[in-house]
N, C-alpha and C. Protein backbone atom coordinates (compact mmCIF):
# COMPACT_ATOMS: atom_id res chain seq x y z
N MET A 1 -7.67 10.58 -3.27
CA MET A 1 -7.03 11.09 -4.45
C MET A 1 -5.52 11.17 -4.26
N VAL A 2 -5.11 11.60 -3.06
CA VAL A 2 -3.68 11.74 -2.77
C VAL A 2 -2.96 10.40 -2.91
N SER A 3 -3.60 9.34 -2.43
CA SER A 3 -2.98 8.00 -2.51
C SER A 3 -2.80 7.56 -3.95
N LEU A 4 -3.78 7.83 -4.78
CA LEU A 4 -3.68 7.44 -6.19
C LEU A 4 -2.62 8.24 -6.93
N ILE A 5 -2.54 9.53 -6.65
CA ILE A 5 -1.50 10.35 -7.28
C ILE A 5 -0.13 9.89 -6.82
N ALA A 6 -0.01 9.55 -5.52
CA ALA A 6 1.26 9.04 -4.99
C ALA A 6 1.64 7.71 -5.64
N ALA A 7 0.62 6.95 -6.07
CA ALA A 7 0.87 5.67 -6.74
C ALA A 7 1.16 5.86 -8.23
N GLY A 8 1.23 7.13 -8.68
CA GLY A 8 1.57 7.41 -10.07
C GLY A 8 0.39 7.45 -11.02
N LYS A 9 -0.82 7.51 -10.48
CA LYS A 9 -2.01 7.54 -11.34
C LYS A 9 -2.28 8.98 -11.78
N PRO A 10 -2.60 9.19 -13.06
CA PRO A 10 -2.85 10.55 -13.56
C PRO A 10 -4.09 11.17 -12.93
N ARG A 11 -3.98 12.44 -12.59
CA ARG A 11 -5.11 13.15 -12.01
C ARG A 11 -6.31 13.15 -12.95
N ALA A 12 -6.07 13.22 -14.25
CA ALA A 12 -7.17 13.21 -15.23
C ALA A 12 -8.00 11.93 -15.12
N ASN A 13 -7.36 10.79 -14.86
CA ASN A 13 -8.08 9.53 -14.70
C ASN A 13 -8.94 9.54 -13.44
N ILE A 14 -8.40 10.12 -12.37
CA ILE A 14 -9.14 10.19 -11.11
C ILE A 14 -10.35 11.10 -11.27
N ASP A 15 -10.16 12.25 -11.91
CA ASP A 15 -11.27 13.18 -12.17
C ASP A 15 -12.34 12.50 -13.03
N LYS A 16 -11.92 11.73 -14.02
CA LYS A 16 -12.86 11.03 -14.90
C LYS A 16 -13.73 10.06 -14.09
N ILE A 17 -13.12 9.35 -13.15
CA ILE A 17 -13.86 8.41 -12.29
C ILE A 17 -14.92 9.17 -11.48
N ILE A 18 -14.50 10.26 -10.84
CA ILE A 18 -15.42 11.04 -9.99
C ILE A 18 -16.58 11.58 -10.82
N LEU A 19 -16.28 12.14 -11.99
CA LEU A 19 -17.35 12.69 -12.84
C LEU A 19 -18.28 11.59 -13.34
N GLU A 20 -17.73 10.49 -13.78
CA GLU A 20 -18.55 9.38 -14.27
C GLU A 20 -19.48 8.86 -13.18
N ALA A 21 -19.01 8.85 -11.94
CA ALA A 21 -19.81 8.33 -10.82
C ALA A 21 -21.06 9.19 -10.57
N HIS A 22 -20.99 10.47 -10.91
CA HIS A 22 -22.12 11.38 -10.65
C HIS A 22 -23.30 11.19 -11.61
N PHE A 23 -23.06 10.66 -12.78
CA PHE A 23 -24.12 10.56 -13.78
C PHE A 23 -25.21 9.59 -13.34
N GLY A 24 -26.45 10.07 -13.40
CA GLY A 24 -27.60 9.21 -13.13
C GLY A 24 -27.95 9.03 -11.68
N LEU A 25 -27.29 9.73 -10.76
CA LEU A 25 -27.57 9.52 -9.34
C LEU A 25 -28.74 10.37 -8.84
N GLY A 26 -29.05 11.47 -9.48
CA GLY A 26 -30.16 12.31 -9.04
C GLY A 26 -29.81 13.12 -7.81
N SER A 27 -30.83 13.70 -7.18
CA SER A 27 -30.61 14.55 -6.01
C SER A 27 -30.79 13.74 -4.72
N ASN A 28 -30.44 14.36 -3.61
CA ASN A 28 -30.57 13.75 -2.28
C ASN A 28 -29.80 12.44 -2.14
N ILE A 29 -28.68 12.34 -2.81
CA ILE A 29 -27.88 11.12 -2.75
C ILE A 29 -27.15 11.06 -1.40
N LYS A 30 -27.08 9.89 -0.81
CA LYS A 30 -26.39 9.68 0.46
C LYS A 30 -24.95 9.24 0.19
N MET A 31 -24.07 9.49 1.16
CA MET A 31 -22.64 9.19 0.98
C MET A 31 -22.37 7.72 0.63
N PRO A 32 -23.00 6.73 1.29
CA PRO A 32 -22.70 5.34 0.90
C PRO A 32 -23.02 5.05 -0.57
N ALA A 33 -24.12 5.62 -1.08
CA ALA A 33 -24.47 5.40 -2.48
C ALA A 33 -23.46 6.08 -3.40
N MET A 34 -23.00 7.27 -3.02
CA MET A 34 -22.00 7.98 -3.82
C MET A 34 -20.68 7.21 -3.82
N ALA A 35 -20.29 6.72 -2.65
CA ALA A 35 -19.04 5.96 -2.54
C ALA A 35 -19.11 4.70 -3.40
N THR A 36 -20.24 4.01 -3.35
CA THR A 36 -20.43 2.80 -4.17
C THR A 36 -20.34 3.15 -5.65
N ALA A 37 -20.94 4.28 -6.05
CA ALA A 37 -20.90 4.70 -7.45
C ALA A 37 -19.47 5.00 -7.89
N ILE A 38 -18.67 5.60 -7.01
CA ILE A 38 -17.27 5.91 -7.35
C ILE A 38 -16.46 4.62 -7.53
N VAL A 39 -16.63 3.68 -6.60
CA VAL A 39 -15.90 2.41 -6.70
C VAL A 39 -16.31 1.67 -7.97
N ASN A 40 -17.62 1.65 -8.25
CA ASN A 40 -18.10 0.97 -9.47
C ASN A 40 -17.59 1.65 -10.73
N ALA A 41 -17.57 2.99 -10.74
CA ALA A 41 -17.05 3.72 -11.91
C ALA A 41 -15.58 3.41 -12.13
N ALA A 42 -14.81 3.35 -11.05
CA ALA A 42 -13.38 3.03 -11.16
C ALA A 42 -13.19 1.64 -11.75
N ALA A 43 -13.99 0.68 -11.29
CA ALA A 43 -13.87 -0.70 -11.80
C ALA A 43 -14.30 -0.79 -13.26
N THR A 44 -15.31 -0.01 -13.64
CA THR A 44 -15.80 -0.03 -15.01
C THR A 44 -14.84 0.66 -15.98
N LEU A 45 -14.34 1.83 -15.57
CA LEU A 45 -13.46 2.59 -16.46
C LEU A 45 -12.07 1.97 -16.59
N TYR A 46 -11.58 1.33 -15.53
CA TYR A 46 -10.22 0.78 -15.54
C TYR A 46 -10.23 -0.67 -15.04
N PRO A 47 -10.89 -1.57 -15.78
CA PRO A 47 -11.00 -2.96 -15.33
C PRO A 47 -9.65 -3.68 -15.27
N GLY A 48 -8.68 -3.24 -16.05
CA GLY A 48 -7.37 -3.87 -16.05
C GLY A 48 -6.43 -3.32 -15.00
N ASP A 49 -6.88 -2.31 -14.24
CA ASP A 49 -6.04 -1.70 -13.21
C ASP A 49 -6.86 -1.56 -11.93
N PRO A 50 -6.93 -2.62 -11.12
CA PRO A 50 -7.78 -2.61 -9.92
C PRO A 50 -7.31 -1.66 -8.82
N ILE A 51 -6.15 -1.04 -8.99
CA ILE A 51 -5.65 -0.12 -7.96
C ILE A 51 -6.64 1.03 -7.76
N TYR A 52 -7.25 1.52 -8.83
CA TYR A 52 -8.21 2.62 -8.70
C TYR A 52 -9.37 2.23 -7.77
N ALA A 53 -10.08 1.16 -8.14
CA ALA A 53 -11.25 0.74 -7.35
C ALA A 53 -10.85 0.33 -5.95
N ASN A 54 -9.75 -0.41 -5.81
CA ASN A 54 -9.33 -0.89 -4.50
C ASN A 54 -8.94 0.27 -3.59
N THR A 55 -8.28 1.28 -4.13
CA THR A 55 -7.88 2.43 -3.31
C THR A 55 -9.10 3.21 -2.84
N PHE A 56 -10.03 3.50 -3.76
CA PHE A 56 -11.25 4.19 -3.35
C PHE A 56 -12.01 3.38 -2.29
N ARG A 57 -12.16 2.07 -2.54
CA ARG A 57 -12.91 1.22 -1.61
C ARG A 57 -12.25 1.24 -0.23
N ALA A 58 -10.93 1.09 -0.18
CA ALA A 58 -10.22 1.07 1.11
C ALA A 58 -10.39 2.38 1.87
N LYS A 59 -10.32 3.50 1.15
CA LYS A 59 -10.48 4.81 1.80
C LYS A 59 -11.90 4.98 2.34
N PHE A 60 -12.91 4.58 1.56
CA PHE A 60 -14.29 4.69 2.02
C PHE A 60 -14.56 3.75 3.20
N GLU A 61 -14.00 2.54 3.16
CA GLU A 61 -14.17 1.61 4.28
C GLU A 61 -13.50 2.15 5.53
N ALA A 62 -12.32 2.74 5.39
CA ALA A 62 -11.60 3.29 6.55
C ALA A 62 -12.38 4.41 7.21
N GLN A 63 -13.14 5.16 6.42
CA GLN A 63 -13.95 6.26 6.96
C GLN A 63 -15.36 5.78 7.36
N LYS A 64 -15.60 4.48 7.26
CA LYS A 64 -16.88 3.87 7.61
C LYS A 64 -18.04 4.38 6.73
N ILE A 65 -17.69 4.81 5.51
CA ILE A 65 -18.72 5.22 4.56
C ILE A 65 -19.26 3.99 3.84
N LEU A 66 -18.38 3.05 3.57
CA LEU A 66 -18.77 1.77 3.01
C LEU A 66 -18.45 0.70 4.04
N GLY A 67 -19.35 -0.26 4.18
CA GLY A 67 -19.04 -1.41 5.01
C GLY A 67 -18.12 -2.34 4.24
N VAL A 68 -17.37 -3.12 4.96
CA VAL A 68 -16.50 -4.07 4.31
C VAL A 68 -17.36 -5.22 3.80
N VAL A 69 -17.38 -5.38 2.50
CA VAL A 69 -18.16 -6.45 1.89
C VAL A 69 -17.19 -7.45 1.29
N VAL A 70 -17.23 -8.63 1.82
CA VAL A 70 -16.34 -9.68 1.34
C VAL A 70 -17.19 -10.71 0.59
N PRO A 71 -17.07 -10.75 -0.72
CA PRO A 71 -17.86 -11.72 -1.47
C PRO A 71 -17.39 -13.15 -1.14
N PRO A 72 -18.32 -14.08 -1.21
CA PRO A 72 -17.90 -15.46 -0.95
C PRO A 72 -16.87 -15.90 -1.97
N GLY A 73 -15.90 -16.63 -1.53
CA GLY A 73 -14.84 -17.07 -2.41
C GLY A 73 -14.80 -18.57 -2.53
N PRO A 74 -13.79 -19.07 -3.19
CA PRO A 74 -13.66 -20.51 -3.38
C PRO A 74 -13.25 -21.22 -2.09
N THR A 75 -13.38 -22.52 -2.11
CA THR A 75 -12.93 -23.34 -1.00
C THR A 75 -11.88 -24.33 -1.51
N GLN A 76 -11.03 -24.76 -0.61
CA GLN A 76 -10.06 -25.79 -0.96
C GLN A 76 -9.74 -26.61 0.28
N LEU A 77 -9.21 -27.79 0.06
CA LEU A 77 -8.82 -28.67 1.15
C LEU A 77 -7.33 -28.57 1.39
N GLU A 78 -6.96 -28.54 2.65
CA GLU A 78 -5.53 -28.59 3.01
C GLU A 78 -5.00 -29.95 2.61
N ALA A 79 -3.78 -29.98 2.07
CA ALA A 79 -3.18 -31.23 1.62
C ALA A 79 -1.81 -31.42 2.26
N GLU A 80 -1.61 -32.57 2.87
CA GLU A 80 -0.30 -32.91 3.43
C GLU A 80 0.60 -33.38 2.29
N SER A 81 1.84 -33.17 2.34
CA SER A 81 2.61 -32.63 3.43
C SER A 81 2.83 -31.14 3.21
N ASN A 82 2.39 -30.34 4.17
CA ASN A 82 2.58 -28.90 4.11
C ASN A 82 3.12 -28.40 5.46
N ASP A 83 4.10 -29.13 5.97
CA ASP A 83 4.64 -28.86 7.30
C ASP A 83 5.78 -27.86 7.33
N SER A 84 6.07 -27.23 6.17
CA SER A 84 7.18 -26.27 6.13
C SER A 84 6.88 -25.20 5.07
N ILE A 85 7.67 -24.16 5.09
CA ILE A 85 7.53 -23.11 4.08
C ILE A 85 7.74 -23.70 2.68
N ALA A 86 8.70 -24.59 2.56
CA ALA A 86 9.03 -25.18 1.25
C ALA A 86 7.90 -26.03 0.68
N THR A 87 7.06 -26.61 1.55
CA THR A 87 5.99 -27.49 1.08
C THR A 87 4.61 -26.89 1.30
N ALA A 88 4.53 -25.58 1.48
CA ALA A 88 3.26 -24.90 1.79
C ALA A 88 2.24 -25.09 0.68
N ASN A 89 0.98 -25.26 1.08
CA ASN A 89 -0.14 -25.26 0.12
C ASN A 89 -0.33 -23.84 -0.38
N ALA A 90 -0.55 -23.68 -1.68
CA ALA A 90 -0.77 -22.35 -2.25
C ALA A 90 -2.24 -21.96 -2.14
N ILE A 91 -2.47 -20.72 -1.73
CA ILE A 91 -3.80 -20.11 -1.80
C ILE A 91 -3.69 -19.01 -2.85
N ALA A 92 -4.32 -19.23 -4.00
CA ALA A 92 -4.11 -18.35 -5.14
C ALA A 92 -5.19 -17.30 -5.35
N THR A 93 -6.35 -17.48 -4.71
CA THR A 93 -7.49 -16.60 -4.98
C THR A 93 -7.95 -15.93 -3.70
N ALA A 94 -8.23 -14.63 -3.79
CA ALA A 94 -8.73 -13.88 -2.63
C ALA A 94 -10.03 -14.49 -2.12
N ASN A 95 -10.22 -14.40 -0.81
CA ASN A 95 -11.42 -14.87 -0.12
C ASN A 95 -11.59 -16.39 -0.15
N THR A 96 -10.48 -17.09 -0.30
CA THR A 96 -10.50 -18.55 -0.27
C THR A 96 -10.63 -19.03 1.17
N THR A 97 -11.46 -20.04 1.38
CA THR A 97 -11.57 -20.69 2.69
C THR A 97 -11.01 -22.10 2.56
N VAL A 98 -10.03 -22.41 3.41
CA VAL A 98 -9.39 -23.71 3.41
C VAL A 98 -9.98 -24.54 4.56
N SER A 99 -10.34 -25.78 4.27
CA SER A 99 -10.73 -26.72 5.32
C SER A 99 -9.50 -27.56 5.63
N GLY A 100 -9.04 -27.45 6.88
CA GLY A 100 -7.81 -28.13 7.26
C GLY A 100 -7.98 -29.05 8.43
N ASN A 101 -6.87 -29.72 8.76
CA ASN A 101 -6.86 -30.69 9.84
C ASN A 101 -5.46 -30.78 10.42
N LEU A 102 -5.36 -30.63 11.73
CA LEU A 102 -4.09 -30.88 12.41
C LEU A 102 -4.12 -32.33 12.88
N SER A 103 -3.26 -33.14 12.30
CA SER A 103 -3.30 -34.58 12.54
C SER A 103 -2.67 -34.99 13.86
N ALA A 104 -1.79 -34.16 14.40
CA ALA A 104 -1.09 -34.47 15.66
C ALA A 104 -0.66 -33.16 16.32
N HIS A 105 -0.25 -33.26 17.59
CA HIS A 105 0.18 -32.07 18.33
C HIS A 105 1.34 -31.35 17.63
N ALA A 106 2.24 -32.08 17.00
CA ALA A 106 3.42 -31.50 16.36
C ALA A 106 3.16 -31.06 14.92
N ASP A 107 1.96 -31.34 14.40
CA ASP A 107 1.64 -30.99 13.01
C ASP A 107 1.62 -29.48 12.84
N LEU A 108 2.24 -29.00 11.78
CA LEU A 108 2.18 -27.60 11.37
C LEU A 108 1.61 -27.56 9.96
N ASP A 109 0.77 -26.60 9.68
CA ASP A 109 0.22 -26.45 8.34
C ASP A 109 0.59 -25.06 7.82
N TYR A 110 1.30 -25.03 6.67
CA TYR A 110 1.73 -23.77 6.05
C TYR A 110 0.94 -23.53 4.77
N PHE A 111 0.63 -22.25 4.54
CA PHE A 111 -0.12 -21.84 3.35
C PHE A 111 0.58 -20.64 2.73
N LYS A 112 0.88 -20.74 1.43
CA LYS A 112 1.61 -19.70 0.70
C LYS A 112 0.64 -18.79 -0.04
N ILE A 113 0.85 -17.48 0.13
CA ILE A 113 0.01 -16.48 -0.52
C ILE A 113 0.89 -15.45 -1.21
N SER A 114 0.61 -15.18 -2.48
CA SER A 114 1.28 -14.09 -3.19
C SER A 114 0.39 -12.87 -3.04
N LEU A 115 0.78 -11.99 -2.11
CA LEU A 115 -0.03 -10.82 -1.78
C LEU A 115 0.30 -9.68 -2.74
N PRO A 116 -0.69 -9.23 -3.54
CA PRO A 116 -0.43 -8.16 -4.50
C PRO A 116 -0.01 -6.86 -3.83
N ALA A 117 0.72 -6.04 -4.56
CA ALA A 117 1.15 -4.73 -4.05
C ALA A 117 -0.07 -3.91 -3.66
N GLY A 118 0.03 -3.24 -2.52
CA GLY A 118 -1.04 -2.36 -2.07
C GLY A 118 -2.22 -3.05 -1.42
N LYS A 119 -2.17 -4.36 -1.29
CA LYS A 119 -3.29 -5.11 -0.73
C LYS A 119 -3.05 -5.44 0.74
N ALA A 120 -4.15 -5.51 1.50
CA ALA A 120 -4.09 -5.93 2.90
C ALA A 120 -4.64 -7.35 2.99
N LEU A 121 -3.88 -8.23 3.59
CA LEU A 121 -4.28 -9.62 3.79
C LEU A 121 -4.85 -9.77 5.19
N THR A 122 -6.00 -10.43 5.28
CA THR A 122 -6.55 -10.82 6.57
C THR A 122 -6.70 -12.33 6.57
N LEU A 123 -5.98 -12.97 7.47
CA LEU A 123 -6.09 -14.42 7.67
C LEU A 123 -6.93 -14.65 8.92
N THR A 124 -7.95 -15.51 8.81
CA THR A 124 -8.79 -15.83 9.95
C THR A 124 -8.81 -17.34 10.13
N LEU A 125 -8.30 -17.78 11.27
CA LEU A 125 -8.26 -19.20 11.62
C LEU A 125 -9.39 -19.47 12.61
N THR A 126 -10.27 -20.42 12.26
CA THR A 126 -11.35 -20.81 13.15
C THR A 126 -11.17 -22.28 13.51
N PRO A 127 -10.79 -22.56 14.77
CA PRO A 127 -10.60 -23.95 15.18
C PRO A 127 -11.95 -24.59 15.48
N ASN A 128 -11.94 -25.89 15.70
CA ASN A 128 -13.15 -26.54 16.19
C ASN A 128 -13.39 -26.09 17.63
N ALA A 129 -14.59 -26.30 18.14
CA ALA A 129 -15.00 -25.74 19.43
C ALA A 129 -14.17 -26.21 20.61
N SER A 130 -13.52 -27.37 20.52
CA SER A 130 -12.79 -27.91 21.67
C SER A 130 -11.27 -27.74 21.55
N SER A 131 -10.80 -26.97 20.56
CA SER A 131 -9.36 -26.85 20.34
C SER A 131 -8.90 -25.40 20.36
N ASP A 132 -7.62 -25.25 20.68
CA ASP A 132 -6.95 -23.94 20.65
C ASP A 132 -5.78 -24.07 19.70
N TYR A 133 -5.92 -23.48 18.52
CA TYR A 133 -4.85 -23.46 17.53
C TYR A 133 -4.36 -22.03 17.40
N ASP A 134 -3.12 -21.86 17.01
CA ASP A 134 -2.53 -20.53 16.88
C ASP A 134 -2.20 -20.25 15.42
N LEU A 135 -2.15 -18.95 15.09
CA LEU A 135 -1.92 -18.51 13.72
C LEU A 135 -0.76 -17.53 13.68
N ASP A 136 0.19 -17.79 12.80
CA ASP A 136 1.31 -16.88 12.55
C ASP A 136 1.35 -16.54 11.07
N LEU A 137 1.86 -15.36 10.77
CA LEU A 137 2.15 -14.98 9.39
C LEU A 137 3.64 -14.72 9.33
N VAL A 138 4.33 -15.39 8.40
CA VAL A 138 5.78 -15.27 8.29
C VAL A 138 6.17 -14.97 6.85
N ASN A 139 7.41 -14.48 6.68
CA ASN A 139 7.93 -14.29 5.33
C ASN A 139 8.69 -15.55 4.92
N GLY A 140 9.30 -15.52 3.75
CA GLY A 140 9.99 -16.70 3.22
C GLY A 140 11.17 -17.16 4.05
N ALA A 141 11.73 -16.27 4.88
CA ALA A 141 12.84 -16.64 5.77
C ALA A 141 12.34 -17.14 7.12
N GLY A 142 11.01 -17.14 7.30
CA GLY A 142 10.44 -17.59 8.57
C GLY A 142 10.29 -16.49 9.61
N THR A 143 10.62 -15.26 9.25
CA THR A 143 10.49 -14.14 10.19
C THR A 143 9.01 -13.81 10.39
N LYS A 144 8.60 -13.71 11.65
CA LYS A 144 7.20 -13.47 11.98
C LYS A 144 6.78 -12.05 11.60
N LEU A 145 5.68 -11.95 10.85
CA LEU A 145 5.11 -10.67 10.45
C LEU A 145 3.88 -10.32 11.28
N GLY A 146 3.31 -11.31 11.93
CA GLY A 146 2.13 -11.12 12.78
C GLY A 146 1.72 -12.45 13.37
N SER A 147 0.94 -12.39 14.47
CA SER A 147 0.49 -13.63 15.10
C SER A 147 -0.77 -13.38 15.91
N SER A 148 -1.48 -14.46 16.20
CA SER A 148 -2.67 -14.41 17.04
C SER A 148 -2.76 -15.73 17.79
N ALA A 149 -3.05 -15.63 19.09
CA ALA A 149 -3.12 -16.83 19.93
C ALA A 149 -4.27 -16.71 20.91
N ASN A 150 -5.50 -16.78 20.39
CA ASN A 150 -6.68 -16.71 21.25
C ASN A 150 -6.96 -18.07 21.85
N GLY A 151 -7.96 -18.17 22.70
CA GLY A 151 -8.22 -19.38 23.46
C GLY A 151 -9.01 -20.44 22.72
N THR A 152 -9.42 -21.45 23.47
CA THR A 152 -10.14 -22.60 22.95
C THR A 152 -11.42 -22.18 22.22
N GLY A 153 -11.56 -22.67 20.99
CA GLY A 153 -12.74 -22.39 20.19
C GLY A 153 -12.81 -20.99 19.60
N ALA A 154 -11.85 -20.13 19.94
CA ALA A 154 -11.88 -18.74 19.48
C ALA A 154 -11.10 -18.58 18.18
N ALA A 155 -11.61 -17.72 17.31
CA ALA A 155 -10.94 -17.45 16.03
C ALA A 155 -9.71 -16.58 16.26
N ASP A 156 -8.68 -16.81 15.47
CA ASP A 156 -7.47 -16.00 15.47
C ASP A 156 -7.41 -15.25 14.15
N THR A 157 -7.03 -13.97 14.20
CA THR A 157 -6.95 -13.15 13.00
C THR A 157 -5.63 -12.40 12.95
N VAL A 158 -5.01 -12.41 11.77
CA VAL A 158 -3.78 -11.66 11.52
C VAL A 158 -4.00 -10.84 10.26
N THR A 159 -3.62 -9.56 10.32
CA THR A 159 -3.73 -8.67 9.16
C THR A 159 -2.36 -8.12 8.82
N TYR A 160 -2.08 -8.06 7.52
CA TYR A 160 -0.77 -7.55 7.06
C TYR A 160 -0.96 -6.86 5.72
N THR A 161 -0.36 -5.68 5.55
CA THR A 161 -0.47 -4.93 4.31
C THR A 161 0.85 -4.95 3.54
N ASN A 162 0.77 -5.26 2.26
CA ASN A 162 1.94 -5.19 1.39
C ASN A 162 2.04 -3.77 0.86
N SER A 163 2.90 -2.97 1.46
CA SER A 163 3.04 -1.58 1.03
C SER A 163 4.12 -1.43 -0.05
N GLY A 164 4.65 -2.54 -0.53
CA GLY A 164 5.66 -2.50 -1.58
C GLY A 164 5.06 -2.28 -2.95
N ALA A 165 5.93 -2.22 -3.95
CA ALA A 165 5.51 -1.97 -5.32
C ALA A 165 5.30 -3.25 -6.12
N SER A 166 5.58 -4.41 -5.52
CA SER A 166 5.38 -5.68 -6.23
C SER A 166 4.80 -6.71 -5.27
N ALA A 167 4.33 -7.82 -5.83
CA ALA A 167 3.73 -8.88 -5.03
C ALA A 167 4.75 -9.42 -4.03
N LEU A 168 4.25 -9.89 -2.90
CA LEU A 168 5.09 -10.38 -1.82
C LEU A 168 4.61 -11.75 -1.39
N LEU A 169 5.52 -12.73 -1.29
CA LEU A 169 5.14 -14.04 -0.79
C LEU A 169 5.13 -14.03 0.73
N VAL A 170 3.98 -14.42 1.30
CA VAL A 170 3.85 -14.55 2.75
C VAL A 170 3.26 -15.93 3.04
N TYR A 171 3.42 -16.37 4.26
CA TYR A 171 3.01 -17.73 4.62
C TYR A 171 2.21 -17.71 5.92
N GLY A 172 1.00 -18.27 5.87
CA GLY A 172 0.23 -18.48 7.08
C GLY A 172 0.64 -19.81 7.69
N LYS A 173 0.80 -19.83 9.02
CA LYS A 173 1.19 -21.06 9.71
C LYS A 173 0.18 -21.36 10.81
N VAL A 174 -0.42 -22.54 10.74
CA VAL A 174 -1.38 -22.99 11.74
C VAL A 174 -0.67 -24.02 12.62
N SER A 175 -0.74 -23.82 13.95
CA SER A 175 -0.10 -24.75 14.88
C SER A 175 -1.04 -25.10 16.03
N HIS A 176 -0.77 -26.23 16.67
CA HIS A 176 -1.57 -26.73 17.78
C HIS A 176 -1.08 -26.14 19.09
N TYR A 177 -2.00 -25.66 19.93
CA TYR A 177 -1.65 -25.24 21.28
C TYR A 177 -2.25 -26.20 22.29
N SER A 178 -3.55 -26.49 22.16
CA SER A 178 -4.19 -27.47 23.03
C SER A 178 -5.46 -27.97 22.35
N GLY A 179 -5.99 -29.05 22.87
CA GLY A 179 -7.24 -29.60 22.34
C GLY A 179 -7.01 -30.72 21.35
N GLY A 180 -8.04 -30.98 20.56
CA GLY A 180 -8.07 -32.15 19.72
C GLY A 180 -7.18 -32.09 18.49
N THR A 181 -6.86 -33.28 18.01
CA THR A 181 -6.16 -33.46 16.74
C THR A 181 -6.78 -34.66 16.05
N GLY A 182 -6.37 -34.90 14.82
CA GLY A 182 -6.85 -36.06 14.10
C GLY A 182 -7.98 -35.73 13.15
N ALA A 183 -8.44 -36.74 12.43
CA ALA A 183 -9.42 -36.56 11.36
C ALA A 183 -10.73 -35.96 11.85
N THR A 184 -11.15 -36.27 13.07
CA THR A 184 -12.42 -35.76 13.59
C THR A 184 -12.21 -34.54 14.49
N ASN A 185 -11.25 -34.61 15.40
CA ASN A 185 -11.08 -33.57 16.43
C ASN A 185 -10.06 -32.50 16.07
N GLY A 186 -9.44 -32.61 14.89
CA GLY A 186 -8.41 -31.65 14.53
C GLY A 186 -8.83 -30.67 13.42
N LYS A 187 -10.10 -30.54 13.18
CA LYS A 187 -10.59 -29.72 12.06
C LYS A 187 -10.51 -28.23 12.36
N TYR A 188 -10.27 -27.46 11.30
CA TYR A 188 -10.28 -26.00 11.36
C TYR A 188 -10.55 -25.44 9.98
N THR A 189 -10.87 -24.15 9.92
CA THR A 189 -10.92 -23.45 8.63
C THR A 189 -9.98 -22.25 8.69
N LEU A 190 -9.41 -21.92 7.55
CA LEU A 190 -8.55 -20.76 7.42
C LEU A 190 -9.04 -19.96 6.22
N LYS A 191 -9.43 -18.70 6.46
CA LYS A 191 -9.89 -17.84 5.37
C LYS A 191 -8.82 -16.80 5.08
N ALA A 192 -8.50 -16.65 3.79
CA ALA A 192 -7.51 -15.67 3.34
C ALA A 192 -8.22 -14.64 2.47
N ALA A 193 -8.34 -13.42 2.99
CA ALA A 193 -9.03 -12.35 2.26
C ALA A 193 -8.06 -11.23 1.96
N TRP A 194 -8.07 -10.74 0.72
CA TRP A 194 -7.28 -9.56 0.35
C TRP A 194 -7.93 -8.84 -0.80
């Protein structure tokens, strides 16, 4: 509740969500079911303002009352030339999985994401089993916001939260460290969840 009030949301709206969530639940309700009802009530009452539902969901997930449920999202193919911030492929939808390919050792693949205010981005890079690729998250000036450099065949994950009041452009960068490249040996997937 404190986070929503700090975000400028009226207390009356928050109370309305909590009260609406209680209807029809009966007795002996468990916390995960109550938390789900609150998130659903927020989404139903304020479909044009996802801050309510997202804030409740994030708080319940942080307290391990709700498990993190990531619905399957769209897929897209990486398209060359995306070797720089200026030519980055856009990822426009949450939970998108990109199928990519590093064509050579010097190949870099950039992906542009407009991260909404208050959202946490998780990028997960999964290389092919015989390769070690690295993942960086940078801003438009190329300043590193986060990075991950796990070993051969291991997934790399970077998380970043936009705590600002407006959307923020960030860029995922996939680079080669060791292992295969090319159409067959250079495959990877990159998932962008927020």
